[in-house]
Structures are given as C-alpha cells and as structure tokens.
C-alpha cells in the first residue's frame, strides 16, 4: 500500500495536526504519534492490509527531519541577512 510523508504541524489539547505532501491537513490523537515527536518532525506513514483490517504505521524519520530543519534554518538566516 502507499507510503506518505507527513509533517507534524502542531499539537493542541492532545490533537495532532499533520500536513500531507499535497498540502492537506488531517488531525488525529497525539497518542497515535511515535513518542517524542514535536512540531516540524517528518513522519512516514504507511498502511498495510492484514486480513479484514488495515494497519497504519507512523514512524518519525529523524534523517528527513534533520534535513528539513537545516533547510528551514538556512532560509531563515538568508531572510535575516545572516550566514547562508
């Protein structure tokens, strides 16, 4: 089944708001996220059929998160006139 990349946009009152690759947002309980997730984290989501059920797995992609944070920090530095 397909894999998706999601960005953790925010968590408020136990509800996580995630942005999908196509810019849509979805919400789900914070407790469904991997432990230690924080805003800006890249999450990989895949769904697998198991008999009559579909199991959704969400994992934090620490490497993609680090790359994303570095890219965003660089953009902010350029906007502020700092190091590029």
Protein backbone atom coordinates (compact mmCIF):
# COMPACT_ATOMS: atom_id res chain seq x y z
CA UNK A 1 0.00 0.00 0.00
CA UNK A 2 1.14 3.61 -0.48
CA UNK A 3 3.53 5.42 1.82
CA UNK A 4 3.05 9.05 2.74
CA UNK A 5 5.17 11.78 4.22
CA UNK A 6 3.51 13.96 6.83
CA UNK A 7 4.79 17.00 8.70
CA UNK A 8 3.70 17.48 12.29
CA UNK A 9 2.30 21.00 12.17
CA UNK A 10 1.04 21.37 15.74
CA UNK A 11 -0.34 19.62 18.80
CA UNK A 12 -3.09 21.29 20.80
CA UNK A 13 -5.07 19.74 23.64
CA UNK A 14 -3.96 16.23 22.66
CA UNK A 15 -4.87 16.63 18.98
CA UNK A 16 -2.09 16.47 16.39
CA UNK A 17 -2.42 18.42 13.14
CA UNK A 18 -0.44 16.92 10.27
CA UNK A 19 0.22 18.34 6.81
CA UNK A 20 0.30 15.91 3.91
CA UNK A 21 2.51 16.14 0.84
CA UNK A 22 -0.32 17.70 -1.16
CA UNK A 23 -0.89 20.46 1.41
CA UNK A 24 -4.00 18.99 3.03
CA UNK A 25 -4.28 18.77 6.80
CA UNK A 26 -5.51 15.93 8.92
CA UNK A 27 -5.94 15.54 12.63
CA UNK A 28 -5.54 12.58 14.91
CA UNK A 29 -4.98 11.91 18.60
CA UNK A 30 -1.49 12.84 19.78
CA UNK A 31 -1.22 9.42 21.42
CA UNK A 32 -1.17 7.81 17.96
CA UNK A 33 2.16 9.53 17.19
CA UNK A 34 5.53 7.98 17.99
CA UNK A 35 6.86 9.04 21.39
CA UNK A 36 8.93 12.22 21.41
CA UNK A 37 7.50 13.78 18.26
CA UNK A 38 7.49 17.56 18.08
CA UNK A 39 6.35 20.25 15.68
CA UNK A 40 8.20 20.17 12.38
CA UNK A 41 9.02 16.46 12.52
CA UNK A 42 8.78 14.43 9.33
CA UNK A 43 6.64 11.35 9.78
CA UNK A 44 6.41 8.39 7.42
CA UNK A 45 3.04 6.73 7.27
CA UNK A 46 2.14 3.50 5.55
CA UNK A 47 -0.96 1.35 5.56
CA UNK A 48 -0.94 -2.42 5.24
CA UNK A 49 -3.86 -4.76 4.73
CA UNK A 50 -3.98 -7.52 7.31
CA UNK A 51 -6.91 -9.82 6.58
CA UNK A 52 -10.02 -7.72 7.26
CA UNK A 53 -8.16 -4.81 8.87
CA UNK A 54 -5.90 -2.04 7.67
CA UNK A 55 -2.96 -1.29 9.95
CA UNK A 56 -1.47 2.20 9.75
CA UNK A 57 2.11 2.63 10.91
CA UNK A 58 3.56 6.06 11.67
CA UNK A 59 7.30 6.44 12.26
CA UNK A 60 9.41 9.54 12.83
CA UNK A 61 12.01 9.99 10.08
CA UNK A 62 14.86 11.58 12.04
CA UNK A 63 17.11 11.93 9.00
CA UNK A 64 14.46 13.70 6.90
CA UNK A 65 13.57 15.85 9.92
CA UNK A 66 17.20 16.97 10.33
CA UNK A 67 17.46 17.80 6.61
CA UNK A 68 14.21 19.76 6.76
CA UNK A 69 15.25 21.69 9.89
CA UNK A 70 18.61 22.59 8.31
CA UNK A 71 16.91 23.78 5.10
CA UNK A 72 14.43 25.93 7.04
CA UNK A 73 17.17 27.37 9.29
CA UNK A 74 19.18 28.29 6.18
CA UNK A 75 16.19 30.06 4.63
CA UNK A 76 15.55 32.00 7.83
CA UNK A 77 19.22 33.02 8.02
CA UNK A 78 19.08 34.32 4.44
CA UNK A 79 15.90 36.27 5.15
CA UNK A 80 17.50 37.83 8.21
CA UNK A 81 20.68 38.65 6.29
CA UNK A 82 22.77 36.15 8.24
CA UNK A 83 25.05 33.32 7.08
CA UNK A 84 23.88 31.42 4.01
